[in-house]
Structure formats: structure tokens, C-alpha cells
Amino acid sequence: MLATTSHRPGTRDRLLQQMDRLFADDRGLGVIVEYNGRPDMSERDKDLQMAWADALIALHGHNRTASVYSSYASKRRSAGAGSLAPVGSWDNLVLGTTPIPRWQRDLHDFLCVVCGESFPSVLIDQGQDPACSRCARNVGVSPTQALPLWKAYSHHRFATPGLFREEIPNGEAAVTFTFEGGQTRQYVVGEAGLFYSDLSRLPGLVQKAVRGTVEDLDELRLVIDASVERDGHGFGVTAAFSYDAEPEGYDGPPYGFRFAAARMTATHTQSPQPVEYTDVYQLLEVILTALYAEGSDTADNSQPKPTVSSMATVDTRPSDTAPAPLPAPPSKPAGEAAAPASGSPAPVEAPTDEASLPASESVAQAPEPFPPASSSSARPTGSAECSHGARRLLLAITVLGVWAVCFAGGLLLIDSGDLTAAAASFVLGGASVIGLALGIGLIRLLRRHVPLMRS
């Protein structure tokens, strides 16, 4: 009898499987005018595909997701090249667009193979090479030989030039944690980016708390409390992640936090019942299908209904206690993580009432209980509280500062020219209005992107 071996798909393989499912009914964004109406997809399908694209990018990072999408698109256009009708006439082509700013490189094959500067629109050389309309004409390709290029409806979400190998360590979003004794360390966010408000585009996402326990600095276990909501559908989610310090390549950055398990409860139902998942794609399937369901006015439909294969366990215990204060969001793509201080720091001890988080490898088993939301052994830096009065003072100073700059500009304009009293009053009044408008706009921007400015 032959011995059988089990194969566990890697990250890229599973991501490619999701794209196969996601774009199965997508005929692609054709370059011929009559195709652009996309009668094969409803508005709901378009919105759902965009939501999936954003979720996959938040889960796996833009660089990895773009690489897998490029491989899928190449496979898709090779498979369909024989069945596509030629362009027929150059007049049928939609005007091509040029990336701004120019990318100067194209590591994921998103640009014209001839000029390397414009987005491609047709396939030349027997349907193998993507080229822009201008280059296709210049190389003498007949419109009866050029084929329309396949692109998913969500193509522009994935399109990115990619990172050189030496740029990859600086291209991953990171979050800084502070441990007992004051030591700080950066961690690659990885799949935890799905529930970080600054990295994810899940509808109505509110990141409520981040807490973690650690016995080894390379094996931090993280729990994120968050909620999502759209059009009367919503869920409360408590997701657990285990840190994977191993790089994907021999010299790449650490993989980051890997999804381990999640407990989800519908928030718009009369009898919410928490359901636990150990597969992140099944979790996303339930969330996005419910949030983009047709007839979303019926709130009771938002209760998750996982199949037997997607449901790990059902926990009927009371919900967690009130979450800890909102932590700082992860930093934008930054440099390499700071090296730990010399010596072996004392590990962060978990509270006695906090159970260990489930390991990322226990995919086939039910996850262990999640730690209570009120405890926090490790927290991102910048999570110190800022008083409400201090926030108001900072915002008021911001408005006054912007207004003063604009008013001073108005005074300089008056001094530089011979204006009548009426014209001078008009200039000063306009400068004041513009200063107030810019100040209010700056406040809205700060409150959106700076957590300490939020009330």
C-alpha cells in the first residue's frame, strides 16, 4: 500500500484559491467600449468584490496580494486568449491612462511591456504580452490581431509596482509594544491588519482594544476586539493572533501575526449567539456576505450562519467585560524593528485569570477561551490617555494658528498693493473665512488620523 502524505496549502496557494473563487463570475474589465457597462455583474456583486479585495490586501499586505493577483490575471488571460474576439478597430479602445507619478519599475507586471510607463489595454504577440494602445500601434499590430486585456473589476485595488528585495523590510506595517520593565519592540502587523482601523477597509470597522500575553518576545499572542457594521448589519469580533517571527524568504521580514481564531456575535439580532472560527476566509465570508446582503433592512439576517465545516464551537457564555482603552494604531510602513536591548528581559506575565491564546497551528481544533477584555499585559505605545480638556485646547490652538496665518497673508496682500478700504475689508474678510475653513478641515483630518485627538 502506498503511503499518503497530506499537503497544507501555503499562504500564496490559499490566496490564489480565494481569487479563483472571487473572480469566477467576473468576465474582466474589457478595453472595448461596449464591455465597460459590465452587464454581467450587479451593483451588489461589484461592491462585494471590492470589499473582498480590500479585505485580502489588509490581511496579507499590498505587495503579496498584488503578486498573487498578477499571477492569477496572467493565468486567466492565457486561458481565455483563444476565445476572445479581436479589438477590430483602434477606435473601439478606451483611452489608456498613465500612472502618476511614473513608477519607474514594474515588479508585478502591471504596466505595458513595451514602454513600461502606461497601463496596458490590449494583448499583442499572439495574446501573450500586455501593451498600451499607443505602443500596440507603434509596433505595427493590426487591431484585428490585438485582443482585449482581462482585468478584474477590482483590478485597480491590487495594482502596485511592488517592492525591491531590499525595500521589503521597510514596506511592512509595524506596531510597537511596551513590555514590563519599559522595553519596547516592533512587530510586523501581518494578518492582524484585518482589524486595525488604519490598515483595514472593513465597513464600519471600530477597533476597540488590543491586548496580548507573551512568554517569549518572538511568540507574542495578540487579541483584538473590534466591531463592523453596514446598513443595519453588524458584528462584534474578538480575534486572536499568534506571532510568526519566521520570514517567508531567506532574507525577508517576519511574516507577522497569523490568524488563530475568532469569536463573532451579531449585534443586530434579538438572541445573539457567539460563534467561533478557526479559518479566516470563512470568517470573512460570513462577515462580508451579511454586510452586503440584499434587503439589508432585515436586521435579524445579520446573525452568522456558518456551515458545519466553518463552525468550530458555539460558546453560550456571557460576553466579555468592557474593553480596555483604545490603543494606538499601527505605524505606517517603517524601518526594521528595533533590536532588543542587551540582556534577557523579564517576560510579560499574563494575569492569573487570563488563559493562553490558541496557537496558530491548531487549525483543526477548537480554540481555547479568549482572555478577558479588561486585562492587558502588553500594549502598543502611544496608548496613554489624553484628557478631554487638553484635546479641546490643542484643537482650538490649531484653528487659531491656521486662521492667524491666513489673516497675516491678507495683511501682506493689502500692504503690497494700493487697495481701497472696501477692497481691503473684502480681502481681510476672505482671509478670515478661508483660515477658519482650513482650520476646521485640519481638525477633521487630525481627529481621523491621530488617535489622541479623538474625543
Protein backbone atom coordinates (compact mmCIF):
# COMPACT_ATOMS: atom_id res chain seq x y z
CA MET A 1 0.00 0.00 0.00
CA LEU A 2 1.30 3.41 -0.94
CA ALA A 3 1.85 5.88 1.88
CA THR A 4 -0.19 9.06 1.62
CA THR A 5 1.08 12.49 2.55
CA SER A 6 -1.03 15.47 3.45
CA HIS A 7 -0.29 18.85 1.85
CA ARG A 8 -1.21 22.00 3.70
CA PRO A 9 -1.56 24.92 1.26
CA GLY A 10 0.71 27.86 1.91
CA THR A 11 -0.35 31.47 2.14
CA ARG A 12 0.05 32.17 -1.58
CA ASP A 13 -1.80 28.98 -2.53
CA ARG A 14 -4.76 29.80 -0.31
CA LEU A 15 -4.82 33.39 -1.55
CA LEU A 16 -4.83 32.15 -5.15
CA GLN A 17 -7.74 29.84 -4.32
CA GLN A 18 -9.68 32.80 -2.96
CA MET A 19 -9.07 34.76 -6.16
CA ASP A 20 -10.23 31.79 -8.22
CA ARG A 21 -13.49 31.86 -6.26
CA LEU A 22 -13.76 35.65 -6.12
CA PHE A 23 -13.33 36.24 -9.87
CA ALA A 24 -15.08 33.11 -11.14
CA ASP A 25 -18.05 35.10 -12.49
CA ASP A 26 -16.07 38.20 -13.45
CA ARG A 27 -15.55 38.48 -17.20
CA GLY A 28 -12.94 41.12 -16.67
CA LEU A 29 -12.76 44.84 -17.34
CA GLY A 30 -12.58 44.89 -21.15
CA VAL A 31 -10.99 47.75 -23.07
CA ILE A 32 -13.72 47.83 -25.70
CA VAL A 33 -16.37 50.46 -25.04
CA GLU A 34 -19.32 48.07 -25.17
CA TYR A 35 -17.79 45.92 -22.42
CA ASN A 36 -17.47 48.71 -19.89
CA GLY A 37 -21.12 48.61 -18.84
CA ARG A 38 -20.39 45.19 -17.29
CA PRO A 39 -23.94 43.80 -17.63
CA ASP A 40 -22.69 40.51 -16.17
CA MET A 41 -22.28 41.96 -12.65
CA SER A 42 -24.86 43.60 -10.40
CA GLU A 43 -24.01 46.60 -8.25
CA ARG A 44 -24.11 44.38 -5.19
CA ASP A 45 -21.59 41.98 -6.78
CA LYS A 46 -19.31 44.88 -7.63
CA ASP A 47 -19.42 46.24 -4.08
CA LEU A 48 -18.85 42.78 -2.62
CA GLN A 49 -15.83 42.15 -4.86
CA MET A 50 -14.31 45.50 -3.88
CA ALA A 51 -14.85 44.65 -0.20
CA TRP A 52 -13.13 41.29 -0.66
CA ALA A 53 -10.20 42.92 -2.45
CA ASP A 54 -9.75 45.43 0.39
CA ALA A 55 -10.00 42.65 2.99
CA LEU A 56 -7.38 40.49 1.26
CA ILE A 57 -4.99 43.45 1.00
CA ALA A 58 -5.42 44.26 4.70
CA LEU A 59 -4.95 40.59 5.59
CA HIS A 60 -1.85 39.82 3.53
CA GLY A 61 -0.35 43.19 2.62
CA HIS A 62 -0.42 45.01 -0.71
CA ASN A 63 2.82 43.58 -2.06
CA ARG A 64 1.99 39.91 -1.55
CA THR A 65 -1.62 40.32 -2.69
CA ALA A 66 -0.58 42.19 -5.85
CA SER A 67 1.92 39.46 -6.68
CA VAL A 68 -0.69 36.70 -6.37
CA TYR A 69 -3.28 38.73 -8.31
CA SER A 70 -0.77 39.30 -11.11
CA SER A 71 -0.17 35.53 -11.33
CA TYR A 72 -3.90 34.88 -11.39
CA ALA A 73 -4.55 37.53 -14.08
CA SER A 74 -1.79 36.08 -16.25
CA LYS A 75 -3.29 32.61 -15.91
CA ARG A 76 -6.77 33.95 -16.62
CA ARG A 77 -5.82 35.83 -19.79
CA SER A 78 -3.79 32.86 -21.09
CA ALA A 79 -6.79 30.59 -20.58
CA GLY A 80 -9.18 33.00 -22.33
CA ALA A 81 -6.95 34.27 -25.11
CA GLY A 82 -8.25 31.71 -27.60
CA SER A 83 -11.91 32.63 -27.04
CA LEU A 84 -11.59 36.45 -27.11
CA ALA A 85 -12.76 38.43 -30.12
CA PRO A 86 -10.13 40.84 -31.51
CA VAL A 87 -10.42 44.55 -30.86
CA GLY A 88 -11.32 45.07 -34.51
CA SER A 89 -10.71 48.82 -34.59
CA TRP A 90 -8.47 51.15 -32.61
CA ASP A 91 -11.47 53.46 -32.27
CA ASN A 92 -13.10 50.89 -30.01
CA LEU A 93 -10.45 51.24 -27.33
CA VAL A 94 -10.96 53.24 -24.19
CA LEU A 95 -8.26 55.88 -23.74
CA GLY A 96 -5.34 54.45 -21.78
CA THR A 97 -4.08 56.04 -18.59
CA THR A 98 -0.57 56.67 -17.35
CA PRO A 99 0.37 56.09 -13.70
CA ILE A 100 1.06 59.28 -11.76
CA PRO A 101 3.77 59.50 -10.61
CA ARG A 102 5.63 57.27 -13.04
CA TRP A 103 6.53 54.06 -11.30
CA GLN A 104 9.99 53.62 -12.88
CA ARG A 105 9.72 49.89 -12.26
CA ASP A 106 7.13 47.16 -12.66
CA LEU A 107 7.87 44.16 -10.47
CA HIS A 108 4.36 42.69 -10.71
CA ASP A 109 3.74 43.17 -14.47
CA PHE A 110 1.05 45.84 -14.26
CA LEU A 111 2.49 48.09 -17.00
CA CYS A 112 2.95 47.99 -20.77
CA VAL A 113 5.73 45.57 -21.76
CA VAL A 114 6.94 47.98 -24.47
CA CYS A 115 7.21 51.38 -22.78
CA GLY A 116 6.88 50.34 -19.13
CA GLU A 117 5.09 53.61 -18.35
CA SER A 118 1.40 53.18 -19.22
CA PHE A 119 -1.24 50.74 -18.11
CA PRO A 120 -1.77 48.08 -20.80
CA SER A 121 -5.04 47.79 -22.69
CA VAL A 122 -4.55 45.03 -25.26
CA LEU A 123 -2.65 41.77 -25.75
CA ILE A 124 -0.13 41.55 -28.59
CA ASP A 125 2.26 38.87 -29.85
CA GLN A 126 -0.46 36.21 -30.15
CA GLY A 127 -2.12 37.23 -26.92
CA GLN A 128 0.93 36.87 -24.68
CA ASP A 129 2.18 40.41 -23.92
CA PRO A 130 0.08 43.26 -22.50
CA ALA A 131 0.68 46.63 -24.17
CA CYS A 132 -0.88 50.07 -24.14
CA SER A 133 -2.81 51.27 -27.20
CA ARG A 134 -0.04 53.67 -28.29
CA CYS A 135 2.69 51.03 -28.25
CA ALA A 136 0.47 48.46 -29.94
CA ARG A 137 0.01 50.86 -32.85
CA ASN A 138 3.69 51.84 -32.94
CA VAL A 139 4.90 48.24 -33.20
CA GLY A 140 2.55 47.70 -36.12
CA VAL A 141 -0.01 45.39 -34.50
CA SER A 142 -3.23 45.18 -36.50
CA PRO A 143 -6.43 45.79 -34.49
CA THR A 144 -7.70 42.52 -35.92
CA GLN A 145 -4.84 40.78 -34.09
CA ALA A 146 -4.94 42.70 -30.79
CA LEU A 147 -7.03 41.08 -28.06
CA PRO A 148 -8.81 42.88 -25.18
CA LEU A 149 -6.93 42.55 -21.89
CA TRP A 150 -8.62 40.78 -18.98
CA LYS A 151 -8.75 42.73 -15.72
CA ALA A 152 -10.90 42.06 -12.68
CA TYR A 153 -13.43 44.70 -11.71
CA SER A 154 -11.29 45.38 -8.61
CA HIS A 155 -8.05 45.50 -10.64
CA HIS A 156 -7.05 49.00 -9.52
CA ARG A 157 -7.19 47.89 -5.87
CA PHE A 158 -4.39 45.37 -6.48
CA ALA A 159 -2.26 47.31 -8.96
CA THR A 160 1.03 48.31 -7.34
CA PRO A 161 4.63 48.42 -8.58
CA GLY A 162 5.88 46.08 -5.88
CA LEU A 163 8.89 46.34 -3.62
CA PHE A 164 12.50 45.51 -4.39
CA ARG A 165 14.00 42.86 -2.13
CA GLU A 166 15.97 45.47 -0.20
CA GLU A 167 12.79 47.53 0.28
CA ILE A 168 10.63 44.75 1.72
CA PRO A 169 11.83 45.12 5.36
CA ASN A 170 10.73 48.78 5.22
CA GLY A 171 7.45 48.09 3.45
CA GLU A 172 5.59 46.22 6.16
CA ALA A 173 3.27 47.97 8.61
CA ALA A 174 4.52 47.58 12.17
CA VAL A 175 3.18 48.14 15.67
CA THR A 176 5.28 48.90 18.75
CA PHE A 177 4.58 47.16 22.07
CA THR A 178 5.83 48.10 25.52
CA PHE A 179 6.65 45.32 27.98
CA GLU A 180 7.22 45.22 31.71
CA GLY A 181 10.45 46.98 32.51
CA GLY A 182 9.91 49.61 29.82
CA GLN A 183 11.38 47.67 26.91
CA THR A 184 9.78 48.36 23.53
CA ARG A 185 9.81 46.26 20.40
CA GLN A 186 8.28 46.46 16.93
CA TYR A 187 6.23 43.66 15.41
CA VAL A 188 5.04 43.23 11.81
CA VAL A 189 1.26 43.54 11.85
CA GLY A 190 0.66 40.74 9.32
CA GLU A 191 -2.85 39.28 9.24
CA ALA A 192 -3.86 41.32 12.30
CA GLY A 193 -4.12 44.26 9.89
CA LEU A 194 -7.60 43.00 9.04
CA PHE A 195 -8.91 44.53 12.28
CA TYR A 196 -6.57 47.52 12.63
CA SER A 197 -8.53 50.66 11.78
CA ASP A 198 -5.68 52.37 9.89
CA LEU A 199 -4.98 49.35 7.67
CA SER A 200 -8.38 47.79 7.06
CA ARG A 201 -11.33 48.94 4.97
CA LEU A 202 -13.94 46.66 6.53
CA PRO A 203 -17.22 48.63 6.55
CA GLY A 204 -17.82 50.48 9.80
CA LEU A 205 -14.76 48.96 11.49
CA VAL A 206 -14.17 50.19 15.03
CA GLN A 207 -11.04 48.89 16.75
CA LYS A 208 -11.90 48.80 20.45
CA ALA A 209 -8.98 47.18 22.25
CA VAL A 210 -5.69 45.37 21.69
CA ARG A 211 -4.22 43.17 24.38
CA GLY A 212 -1.65 40.43 24.48
CA THR A 213 0.33 37.95 26.51
CA VAL A 214 3.86 36.77 25.96
CA GLU A 215 6.27 34.20 27.34
CA ASP A 216 8.86 34.76 24.62
CA LEU A 217 9.35 38.05 22.77
CA ASP A 218 9.21 36.18 19.45
CA GLU A 219 5.90 34.49 20.29
CA LEU A 220 3.59 37.32 21.26
CA ARG A 221 -0.09 36.35 21.35
CA LEU A 222 -2.50 39.10 20.46
CA VAL A 223 -6.25 39.62 20.87
CA ILE A 224 -8.13 42.42 19.10
CA ASP A 225 -11.67 43.50 19.97
CA ALA A 226 -13.47 45.21 17.09
CA SER A 227 -16.87 45.71 15.51
CA VAL A 228 -18.07 46.08 11.91
CA GLU A 229 -21.37 47.48 10.69
CA ARG A 230 -23.12 48.39 7.44
CA ASP A 231 -26.76 49.10 6.57
CA GLY A 232 -28.26 47.56 9.69
CA HIS A 233 -25.96 44.52 9.75
CA GLY A 234 -23.18 44.33 12.30
CA PHE A 235 -20.90 42.01 14.24
CA GLY A 236 -18.75 42.19 17.32
CA VAL A 237 -15.47 40.31 16.78
CA THR A 238 -12.77 39.14 19.17
CA ALA A 239 -9.89 37.81 17.08
CA ALA A 240 -6.75 36.04 18.30
CA PHE A 241 -3.39 36.06 16.51
CA SER A 242 -0.07 34.32 17.13
CA TYR A 243 3.18 35.97 16.07
CA ASP A 244 5.28 34.21 13.44
CA ALA A 245 8.84 35.56 13.50
CA GLU A 246 9.98 33.38 10.59
CA PRO A 247 10.48 35.21 7.27
CA GLU A 248 8.78 33.96 4.11
CA GLY A 249 12.04 34.18 2.20
CA TYR A 250 15.56 33.58 3.33
CA ASP A 251 16.16 37.31 3.89
CA GLY A 252 12.66 38.79 4.12
CA PRO A 253 10.89 40.35 7.11
CA PRO A 254 8.98 38.23 9.65
CA TYR A 255 5.60 37.02 8.46
CA GLY A 256 3.90 38.82 11.35
CA PHE A 257 0.75 37.94 13.26
CA ARG A 258 -1.11 34.91 11.91
CA PHE A 259 -4.82 34.44 12.47
CA ALA A 260 -5.56 31.75 15.06
CA ALA A 261 -9.26 32.03 15.95
CA ALA A 262 -12.09 34.49 16.31
CA ARG A 263 -15.32 34.73 18.22
CA MET A 264 -18.08 36.67 16.45
CA THR A 265 -21.51 37.79 17.60
CA ALA A 266 -24.20 39.51 15.55
CA THR A 267 -25.09 42.86 17.10
CA HIS A 268 -28.49 43.41 15.42
CA THR A 269 -30.42 40.35 16.50
CA GLN A 270 -32.73 39.54 19.37
CA SER A 271 -30.83 36.44 20.51
CA PRO A 272 -27.14 36.85 19.69
CA GLN A 273 -25.07 33.71 20.00
CA PRO A 274 -21.27 33.80 19.72
CA VAL A 275 -19.74 31.58 17.06
CA GLU A 276 -16.05 30.73 16.87
CA TYR A 277 -13.99 30.34 13.68
CA THR A 278 -10.52 28.99 13.01
CA ASP A 279 -10.43 29.83 9.30
CA VAL A 280 -10.04 33.50 8.45
CA TYR A 281 -11.58 33.15 4.98
CA GLN A 282 -14.71 31.53 6.39
CA LEU A 283 -14.90 34.37 8.90
CA LEU A 284 -14.66 36.93 6.09
CA GLU A 285 -17.25 35.03 4.04
CA VAL A 286 -19.79 35.33 6.83
CA ILE A 287 -19.00 38.98 7.57
CA LEU A 288 -18.97 40.32 4.01
CA THR A 289 -21.92 38.23 2.79
CA ALA A 290 -24.05 39.60 5.64
CA LEU A 291 -22.83 43.20 5.34
CA TYR A 292 -23.50 43.29 1.60
CA ALA A 293 -26.65 41.18 1.64
CA GLU A 294 -29.56 42.30 -0.49
CA GLY A 295 -32.51 43.58 1.53
CA SER A 296 -30.28 44.64 4.42
CA ASP A 297 -33.17 46.29 6.25
CA THR A 298 -33.95 42.99 7.96
CA ALA A 299 -31.69 43.15 10.98
CA ASP A 300 -32.21 39.55 12.13
CA ASN A 301 -30.49 38.26 8.99
CA SER A 302 -27.16 39.51 10.33
CA GLN A 303 -26.82 36.56 12.73
CA PRO A 304 -23.91 34.43 11.45
CA LYS A 305 -24.99 31.10 9.99
CA PRO A 306 -21.79 29.09 9.46
CA THR A 307 -21.87 25.65 7.96
CA VAL A 308 -20.67 22.58 9.85
CA SER A 309 -17.27 22.86 8.19
CA SER A 310 -16.85 26.50 9.16
CA MET A 311 -18.10 26.36 12.75
CA ALA A 312 -15.59 25.28 15.34
CA THR A 313 -17.56 25.64 18.57
CA VAL A 314 -20.52 27.59 19.85
CA ASP A 315 -19.94 29.32 23.16
CA THR A 316 -23.02 30.34 25.15
CA ARG A 317 -21.11 32.00 27.99
CA PRO A 318 -21.77 35.68 28.75
CA SER A 319 -19.95 38.20 26.59
CA ASP A 320 -16.65 39.72 27.67
CA THR A 321 -16.46 42.63 30.04
CA ALA A 322 -15.91 46.22 28.93
CA PRO A 323 -12.89 46.59 26.58
CA ALA A 324 -9.69 48.34 27.55
CA PRO A 325 -8.97 51.88 26.28
CA LEU A 326 -8.31 52.22 22.56
CA PRO A 327 -4.63 51.56 21.75
CA ALA A 328 -2.59 53.45 19.22
CA PRO A 329 -2.98 52.20 15.63
CA PRO A 330 -0.03 50.51 13.93
CA SER A 331 2.61 52.72 12.40
CA LYS A 332 2.79 53.25 8.68
CA PRO A 333 5.38 51.16 6.81
CA ALA A 334 8.53 51.86 8.78
CA GLY A 335 12.09 50.71 9.08
CA GLU A 336 13.28 47.45 10.56
CA ALA A 337 12.20 46.61 14.08
CA ALA A 338 14.45 47.99 16.76
CA ALA A 339 16.88 45.46 18.17
CA PRO A 340 16.11 44.31 21.72
CA ALA A 341 18.23 45.77 24.47
CA SER A 342 21.16 43.72 25.69
CA GLY A 343 20.38 41.12 28.25
CA SER A 344 17.32 38.94 28.61
CA PRO A 345 14.25 40.97 29.62
CA ALA A 346 11.79 39.56 32.05
CA PRO A 347 8.83 38.08 30.15
CA VAL A 348 5.43 39.70 30.50
CA GLU A 349 3.34 37.61 32.84
CA ALA A 350 -0.29 37.05 31.98
CA PRO A 351 -2.85 37.78 34.71
CA THR A 352 -3.99 34.74 36.65
CA ASP A 353 -7.48 34.94 35.16
CA GLU A 354 -6.20 35.06 31.59
CA ALA A 355 -5.91 31.88 29.56
CA SER A 356 -3.33 31.39 26.83
CA LEU A 357 -4.32 32.26 23.30
CA PRO A 358 -4.67 29.39 20.84
CA ALA A 359 -1.62 28.61 18.76
CA SER A 360 -1.81 29.36 15.04
CA GLU A 361 -1.13 25.70 14.11
CA SER A 362 -4.27 24.31 15.82
CA VAL A 363 -6.45 24.85 12.78
CA ALA A 364 -8.45 21.65 13.16
CA GLN A 365 -9.09 22.05 16.87
CA ALA A 366 -11.43 24.30 18.79
CA PRO A 367 -9.66 27.38 20.14
CA GLU A 368 -9.01 27.86 23.81
CA PRO A 369 -11.00 30.51 25.69
CA PHE A 370 -10.10 34.10 24.91
CA PRO A 371 -8.60 36.25 27.68
CA PRO A 372 -10.96 38.77 29.28
CA ALA A 373 -11.05 42.17 27.61
CA SER A 374 -10.33 44.05 30.82
CA SER A 375 -6.78 42.71 31.23
CA SER A 376 -3.78 43.95 29.26
CA SER A 377 -0.26 42.57 29.60
CA ALA A 378 1.25 44.24 26.55
CA ARG A 379 0.02 47.32 24.81
CA PRO A 380 1.09 49.47 21.86
CA THR A 381 2.98 52.62 22.70
CA GLY A 382 1.08 55.86 22.43
CA SER A 383 -1.94 54.45 24.24
CA ALA A 384 -1.64 56.87 27.16
CA GLU A 385 -4.84 58.75 27.80
CA CYS A 386 -5.20 62.37 26.81
CA SER A 387 -7.71 64.41 28.79
CA HIS A 388 -10.75 65.85 27.09
CA GLY A 389 -9.77 69.42 28.05
CA ALA A 390 -6.28 69.02 26.61
CA ARG A 391 -7.72 67.76 23.33
CA ARG A 392 -10.01 70.78 23.09
CA LEU A 393 -7.13 73.13 23.82
CA LEU A 394 -4.96 71.55 21.13
CA LEU A 395 -7.75 71.72 18.56
CA ALA A 396 -8.51 75.38 19.44
CA ILE A 397 -4.82 76.28 19.09
CA THR A 398 -4.77 74.54 15.71
CA VAL A 399 -7.74 76.59 14.42
CA LEU A 400 -6.33 79.87 15.74
CA GLY A 401 -2.93 79.13 14.24
CA VAL A 402 -4.30 78.42 10.76
CA TRP A 403 -6.59 81.48 10.96
CA ALA A 404 -3.68 83.69 12.04
CA VAL A 405 -1.55 82.54 9.10
CA CYS A 406 -4.33 83.27 6.60
CA PHE A 407 -5.11 86.66 8.23
CA ALA A 408 -1.43 87.60 8.12
CA GLY A 409 -1.41 86.67 4.45
CA GLY A 410 -4.33 89.04 3.90
CA LEU A 411 -2.46 91.85 5.65
CA LEU A 412 0.60 91.27 3.47
CA LEU A 413 -1.59 91.36 0.38
CA ILE A 414 -3.06 94.71 1.46
CA ASP A 415 0.38 96.17 2.17
CA SER A 416 1.72 95.05 -1.20
CA GLY A 417 -0.91 96.91 -3.24
CA ASP A 418 -2.89 100.14 -3.35
CA LEU A 419 -6.37 98.96 -2.34
CA THR A 420 -9.45 100.88 -1.38
CA ALA A 421 -10.96 100.50 2.07
CA ALA A 422 -13.76 98.33 0.67
CA ALA A 423 -11.29 96.08 -1.16
CA ALA A 424 -9.11 95.81 1.94
CA SER A 425 -12.11 94.80 4.05
CA PHE A 426 -13.07 92.21 1.43
CA VAL A 427 -9.55 90.74 1.40
CA LEU A 428 -9.34 90.54 5.21
CA GLY A 429 -12.81 89.03 5.46
CA GLY A 430 -11.99 86.44 2.81
CA ALA A 431 -8.72 85.59 4.54
CA SER A 432 -10.56 85.08 7.83
CA VAL A 433 -13.16 82.79 6.25
CA ILE A 434 -10.51 80.80 4.43
CA GLY A 435 -8.47 80.49 7.65
CA LEU A 436 -11.45 79.17 9.61
CA ALA A 437 -12.35 76.70 6.84
CA LEU A 438 -8.79 75.38 6.63
CA GLY A 439 -8.59 75.14 10.42
CA ILE A 440 -11.80 73.11 10.61
CA GLY A 441 -10.60 70.88 7.78
CA LEU A 442 -7.29 70.31 9.57
CA ILE A 443 -9.15 69.39 12.77
CA ARG A 444 -11.21 66.79 10.91
CA LEU A 445 -8.03 65.35 9.42
CA LEU A 446 -6.31 65.19 12.81
CA ARG A 447 -9.29 63.59 14.52
CA ARG A 448 -9.42 60.96 11.80
CA HIS A 449 -5.74 60.02 11.74
CA VAL A 450 -4.41 60.92 15.20
CA PRO A 451 -5.99 58.76 17.94
CA LEU A 452 -5.09 61.19 20.77
CA MET A 453 -7.09 63.93 19.06
CA ARG A 454 -10.29 61.88 19.13
CA SER A 455 -12.85 62.63 21.80
